[in-house]
Amino acid sequence: MKQEFPIRITAHPSKPDRFVACYESEFLGATYAVDFPNSITGAVALYHFIEMLKTRYPEGKVTFCLPPDAQTHAVEAVRDAALMERLYK
């Protein structure tokens, strides 16, 4: 059984200052997603999305996939994550 569950976060294609986090289930042929703002409430929405996935896959590891432009991304948290990834590789 699959043990890693990557979450991809991208800019929303038509709503500025919003993002989409998604997980693609190959087995089900489905994509689970949450559309959230770049704010504290958006962070809470993202957290609840991750917690929902953890209830479905309790033995797996939920991971984030940083976008290619992570080092220069508009969202400071994404830039911070890219820096941490570089420091700990």
Protein backbone atom coordinates (compact mmCIF):
# COMPACT_ATOMS: atom_id res chain seq x y z
CA MET A 1 0.00 0.00 0.00
CA LYS A 2 1.16 3.52 -0.78
CA GLN A 3 2.80 5.21 2.22
CA GLU A 4 3.38 8.76 0.97
CA PHE A 5 0.66 11.21 0.06
CA PRO A 6 2.07 14.31 -1.66
CA ILE A 7 0.08 17.54 -1.46
CA ARG A 8 0.72 19.99 -4.30
CA ILE A 9 0.05 23.69 -3.67
CA THR A 10 -0.33 26.02 -6.64
CA ALA A 11 -1.65 29.51 -7.28
CA HIS A 12 -5.35 29.52 -8.10
CA PRO A 13 -5.69 29.80 -11.90
CA SER A 14 -8.31 32.57 -11.83
CA LYS A 15 -8.43 34.05 -8.32
CA PRO A 16 -5.55 36.30 -7.28
CA ASP A 17 -4.23 35.85 -3.72
CA ARG A 18 -5.77 32.37 -3.48
CA PHE A 19 -4.18 28.94 -3.70
CA VAL A 20 -5.21 25.36 -4.35
CA ALA A 21 -3.84 22.37 -2.46
CA CYS A 22 -4.59 19.01 -4.01
CA TYR A 23 -3.94 15.33 -3.60
CA GLU A 24 -4.44 12.94 -6.51
CA SER A 25 -5.55 9.41 -5.65
CA GLU A 26 -4.35 7.16 -8.45
CA PHE A 27 -6.29 4.22 -7.01
CA LEU A 28 -9.63 6.06 -7.02
CA GLY A 29 -8.89 8.17 -10.09
CA ALA A 30 -9.92 11.21 -8.06
CA THR A 31 -8.43 14.53 -6.99
CA TYR A 32 -9.13 15.97 -3.54
CA ALA A 33 -8.59 19.72 -3.31
CA VAL A 34 -9.10 22.79 -1.17
CA ASP A 35 -9.16 26.38 -2.47
CA PHE A 36 -7.93 28.78 0.23
CA PRO A 37 -6.89 32.44 0.66
CA ASN A 38 -3.41 33.64 1.55
CA SER A 39 -4.39 34.39 5.16
CA ILE A 40 -4.65 32.90 8.63
CA THR A 41 -8.05 31.45 7.81
CA GLY A 42 -6.55 29.95 4.66
CA ALA A 43 -3.86 28.29 6.78
CA VAL A 44 -6.59 26.84 8.99
CA ALA A 45 -8.42 25.52 5.90
CA LEU A 46 -5.20 23.92 4.65
CA TYR A 47 -4.59 22.36 8.08
CA HIS A 48 -8.10 20.84 8.10
CA PHE A 49 -7.58 19.49 4.58
CA ILE A 50 -4.40 17.71 5.73
CA GLU A 51 -6.16 16.38 8.83
CA MET A 52 -8.97 15.03 6.63
CA LEU A 53 -6.43 13.15 4.51
CA LYS A 54 -4.78 11.75 7.63
CA THR A 55 -8.10 10.21 8.71
CA ARG A 56 -8.28 8.34 5.39
CA TYR A 57 -4.62 7.26 5.40
CA PRO A 58 -3.60 6.92 9.07
CA GLU A 59 -0.48 4.86 8.33
CA GLY A 60 0.79 7.14 5.57
CA LYS A 61 2.94 10.23 5.54
CA VAL A 62 1.36 13.39 4.13
CA THR A 63 4.02 15.55 2.42
CA PHE A 64 4.03 18.87 0.58
CA CYS A 65 5.44 19.34 -2.91
CA LEU A 66 6.90 22.81 -3.28
CA PRO A 67 6.31 24.65 -6.57
CA PRO A 68 9.25 25.18 -8.95
CA ASP A 69 9.35 28.91 -8.07
CA ALA A 70 9.38 28.24 -4.31
CA GLN A 71 12.52 30.29 -3.65
CA THR A 72 10.93 33.43 -5.14
CA HIS A 73 7.27 32.61 -4.42
CA ALA A 74 4.88 35.42 -3.44
CA VAL A 75 3.95 33.65 -0.19
CA GLU A 76 6.58 34.01 2.51
CA ALA A 77 5.76 30.61 4.04
CA VAL A 78 6.54 28.89 0.73
CA ARG A 79 9.88 30.74 0.51
CA ASP A 80 10.65 29.70 4.10
CA ALA A 81 9.82 26.07 3.31
CA ALA A 82 12.15 26.17 0.28
CA LEU A 83 14.94 27.56 2.45
CA MET A 84 14.42 24.84 5.07
CA GLU A 85 14.41 22.17 2.37
CA ARG A 86 17.74 23.43 1.01
CA LEU A 87 19.28 23.60 4.50
CA TYR A 88 18.30 20.06 5.47
CA LYS A 89 19.05 18.17 2.26
